[in-house]
Amino acid sequence: MSALGTATAANHWQLMFLEFLANKDGYGDIISLGAGDASQTQLSQVPYAFVIDRVYVHGDNSPPRRT
């Protein structure tokens, strides 16, 4: 489970001055916008107009790593 996740078609969010820590053992997404799978079949379902400003996202340097 992500620390921050949105629904499909979420829009016009402004996220500022936040800090997200790595997930347990480095698994999964820290931030996920939208469904992240094949259920978003139309452009209108994709999240848009997000401002992520001065946000510190910590990764986990133990395997497995995603870049």
N, C-alpha and C. Protein backbone atom coordinates (compact mmCIF):
# COMPACT_ATOMS: atom_id res chain seq x y z
N MET A 1 0.84 -1.17 0.00
CA MET A 1 0.00 0.00 0.00
C MET A 1 0.89 1.24 0.00
N SER A 2 0.52 2.20 -0.81
CA SER A 2 1.29 3.44 -0.92
C SER A 2 1.01 4.36 0.26
N ALA A 3 2.00 5.18 0.58
CA ALA A 3 1.80 6.20 1.61
C ALA A 3 0.82 7.25 1.11
N LEU A 4 0.85 7.53 -0.19
CA LEU A 4 -0.09 8.46 -0.81
C LEU A 4 -0.59 7.82 -2.09
N GLY A 5 -1.88 7.74 -2.23
CA GLY A 5 -2.48 7.19 -3.44
C GLY A 5 -3.71 7.98 -3.82
N THR A 6 -3.99 8.05 -5.12
CA THR A 6 -5.17 8.76 -5.58
C THR A 6 -6.08 7.81 -6.35
N ALA A 7 -7.30 8.24 -6.50
CA ALA A 7 -8.25 7.52 -7.34
C ALA A 7 -7.98 7.88 -8.80
N THR A 8 -8.56 7.12 -9.71
CA THR A 8 -8.46 7.49 -11.12
C THR A 8 -9.16 8.83 -11.31
N ALA A 9 -8.67 9.59 -12.25
CA ALA A 9 -9.21 10.90 -12.61
C ALA A 9 -9.08 11.96 -11.52
N ALA A 10 -8.32 11.69 -10.47
CA ALA A 10 -8.08 12.73 -9.46
C ALA A 10 -7.37 13.90 -10.13
N ASN A 11 -7.67 15.12 -9.69
CA ASN A 11 -7.06 16.27 -10.35
C ASN A 11 -7.02 17.49 -9.44
N HIS A 12 -6.12 18.40 -9.81
CA HIS A 12 -5.96 19.69 -9.16
C HIS A 12 -5.64 19.58 -7.67
N TRP A 13 -4.60 18.83 -7.38
CA TRP A 13 -4.08 18.72 -6.02
C TRP A 13 -2.76 19.47 -5.94
N GLN A 14 -2.49 20.06 -4.80
CA GLN A 14 -1.20 20.68 -4.55
C GLN A 14 -0.66 20.11 -3.25
N LEU A 15 0.47 19.42 -3.34
CA LEU A 15 1.10 18.79 -2.18
C LEU A 15 2.41 19.51 -1.92
N MET A 16 2.54 20.10 -0.73
CA MET A 16 3.73 20.88 -0.42
C MET A 16 4.22 20.56 0.98
N PHE A 17 5.55 20.63 1.14
CA PHE A 17 6.20 20.53 2.45
C PHE A 17 5.88 19.22 3.16
N LEU A 18 5.92 18.12 2.43
CA LEU A 18 5.63 16.80 3.01
C LEU A 18 6.88 15.94 2.98
N GLU A 19 6.87 14.92 3.80
CA GLU A 19 7.96 13.95 3.83
C GLU A 19 7.35 12.55 3.86
N PHE A 20 7.80 11.71 2.94
CA PHE A 20 7.34 10.33 2.87
C PHE A 20 8.51 9.40 3.12
N LEU A 21 8.34 8.48 4.03
CA LEU A 21 9.38 7.50 4.33
C LEU A 21 9.24 6.28 3.43
N ALA A 22 10.30 5.52 3.34
CA ALA A 22 10.29 4.30 2.53
C ALA A 22 9.29 3.29 3.09
N ASN A 23 8.75 2.48 2.21
CA ASN A 23 7.87 1.40 2.64
C ASN A 23 8.68 0.29 3.31
N LYS A 24 8.01 -0.51 4.09
CA LYS A 24 8.68 -1.61 4.79
C LYS A 24 9.41 -2.50 3.79
N ASP A 25 10.67 -2.72 4.03
CA ASP A 25 11.54 -3.56 3.20
C ASP A 25 11.64 -3.08 1.75
N GLY A 26 11.25 -1.84 1.48
CA GLY A 26 11.38 -1.28 0.14
C GLY A 26 10.37 -1.77 -0.87
N TYR A 27 9.32 -2.44 -0.43
CA TYR A 27 8.34 -2.99 -1.36
C TYR A 27 7.24 -1.99 -1.67
N GLY A 28 6.78 -1.98 -2.92
CA GLY A 28 5.65 -1.17 -3.32
C GLY A 28 6.03 0.27 -3.64
N ASP A 29 5.03 1.01 -4.04
CA ASP A 29 5.20 2.42 -4.39
C ASP A 29 5.04 3.28 -3.15
N ILE A 30 5.80 4.35 -3.07
CA ILE A 30 5.62 5.31 -1.99
C ILE A 30 4.48 6.26 -2.36
N ILE A 31 4.47 6.70 -3.60
CA ILE A 31 3.41 7.57 -4.11
C ILE A 31 2.87 6.93 -5.38
N SER A 32 1.57 6.78 -5.47
CA SER A 32 0.96 6.25 -6.69
C SER A 32 -0.22 7.13 -7.08
N LEU A 33 -0.20 7.56 -8.32
CA LEU A 33 -1.26 8.42 -8.84
C LEU A 33 -2.11 7.59 -9.80
N GLY A 34 -3.36 7.41 -9.47
CA GLY A 34 -4.25 6.61 -10.30
C GLY A 34 -4.19 5.14 -9.95
N ALA A 35 -4.83 4.34 -10.77
CA ALA A 35 -4.96 2.91 -10.51
C ALA A 35 -3.63 2.17 -10.70
N GLY A 36 -2.80 2.63 -11.63
CA GLY A 36 -1.53 1.96 -11.87
C GLY A 36 -1.64 0.61 -12.54
N ASP A 37 -2.77 0.36 -13.17
CA ASP A 37 -2.96 -0.91 -13.87
C ASP A 37 -3.74 -0.67 -15.16
N ALA A 38 -4.17 -1.72 -15.78
CA ALA A 38 -4.85 -1.62 -17.08
C ALA A 38 -6.28 -1.10 -16.98
N SER A 39 -6.78 -0.81 -15.79
CA SER A 39 -8.16 -0.33 -15.66
C SER A 39 -8.33 1.10 -16.15
N GLN A 40 -7.25 1.86 -16.25
CA GLN A 40 -7.31 3.22 -16.80
C GLN A 40 -7.18 3.11 -18.32
N THR A 41 -8.29 3.05 -19.01
CA THR A 41 -8.28 2.82 -20.45
C THR A 41 -8.54 4.07 -21.27
N GLN A 42 -8.90 5.17 -20.61
CA GLN A 42 -9.17 6.42 -21.31
C GLN A 42 -8.37 7.54 -20.67
N LEU A 43 -7.99 8.51 -21.48
CA LEU A 43 -7.21 9.63 -20.98
C LEU A 43 -7.94 10.37 -19.86
N SER A 44 -9.24 10.42 -19.90
CA SER A 44 -10.02 11.11 -18.86
C SER A 44 -9.91 10.42 -17.50
N GLN A 45 -9.44 9.19 -17.46
CA GLN A 45 -9.29 8.45 -16.20
C GLN A 45 -7.93 8.66 -15.55
N VAL A 46 -7.00 9.29 -16.26
CA VAL A 46 -5.65 9.48 -15.76
C VAL A 46 -5.61 10.71 -14.86
N PRO A 47 -5.01 10.62 -13.66
CA PRO A 47 -4.87 11.79 -12.80
C PRO A 47 -4.06 12.89 -13.50
N TYR A 48 -4.42 14.14 -13.24
CA TYR A 48 -3.71 15.25 -13.88
C TYR A 48 -3.73 16.48 -12.98
N ALA A 49 -2.90 17.46 -13.35
CA ALA A 49 -2.79 18.75 -12.67
C ALA A 49 -2.40 18.59 -11.20
N PHE A 50 -1.28 17.89 -10.98
CA PHE A 50 -0.73 17.73 -9.64
C PHE A 50 0.50 18.60 -9.49
N VAL A 51 0.60 19.30 -8.38
CA VAL A 51 1.82 20.03 -8.03
C VAL A 51 2.40 19.32 -6.81
N ILE A 52 3.60 18.80 -6.96
CA ILE A 52 4.31 18.16 -5.85
C ILE A 52 5.57 18.98 -5.63
N ASP A 53 5.53 19.85 -4.63
CA ASP A 53 6.55 20.87 -4.45
C ASP A 53 7.20 20.76 -3.07
N ARG A 54 8.51 20.73 -3.03
CA ARG A 54 9.27 20.65 -1.80
C ARG A 54 8.83 19.45 -0.95
N VAL A 55 8.77 18.32 -1.61
CA VAL A 55 8.39 17.06 -0.98
C VAL A 55 9.62 16.16 -0.95
N TYR A 56 9.91 15.59 0.20
CA TYR A 56 11.07 14.71 0.38
C TYR A 56 10.55 13.28 0.43
N VAL A 57 10.96 12.48 -0.55
CA VAL A 57 10.55 11.08 -0.63
C VAL A 57 11.78 10.22 -0.38
N HIS A 58 11.75 9.45 0.70
CA HIS A 58 12.87 8.59 1.07
C HIS A 58 12.73 7.25 0.37
N GLY A 59 13.79 6.79 -0.22
CA GLY A 59 13.82 5.44 -0.76
C GLY A 59 14.43 4.50 0.26
N ASP A 60 14.43 3.24 -0.04
CA ASP A 60 15.05 2.23 0.80
C ASP A 60 16.18 1.62 -0.01
N ASN A 61 17.41 1.70 0.48
CA ASN A 61 18.53 1.23 -0.31
C ASN A 61 18.82 -0.26 -0.15
N SER A 62 17.91 -0.99 0.45
CA SER A 62 18.08 -2.45 0.52
C SER A 62 17.29 -3.08 -0.63
N PRO A 63 17.78 -4.18 -1.20
CA PRO A 63 17.09 -4.82 -2.34
C PRO A 63 15.69 -5.25 -1.95
N PRO A 64 14.72 -5.34 -2.85
CA PRO A 64 14.82 -4.95 -4.25
C PRO A 64 14.66 -3.44 -4.43
N ARG A 65 15.36 -2.87 -5.39
CA ARG A 65 15.29 -1.43 -5.64
C ARG A 65 14.52 -1.18 -6.92
N ARG A 66 13.79 -0.07 -6.93
CA ARG A 66 13.11 0.37 -8.15
C ARG A 66 13.56 1.79 -8.43
N THR A 67 13.81 2.07 -9.67
CA THR A 67 14.20 3.42 -10.06
C THR A 67 13.25 3.98 -11.08
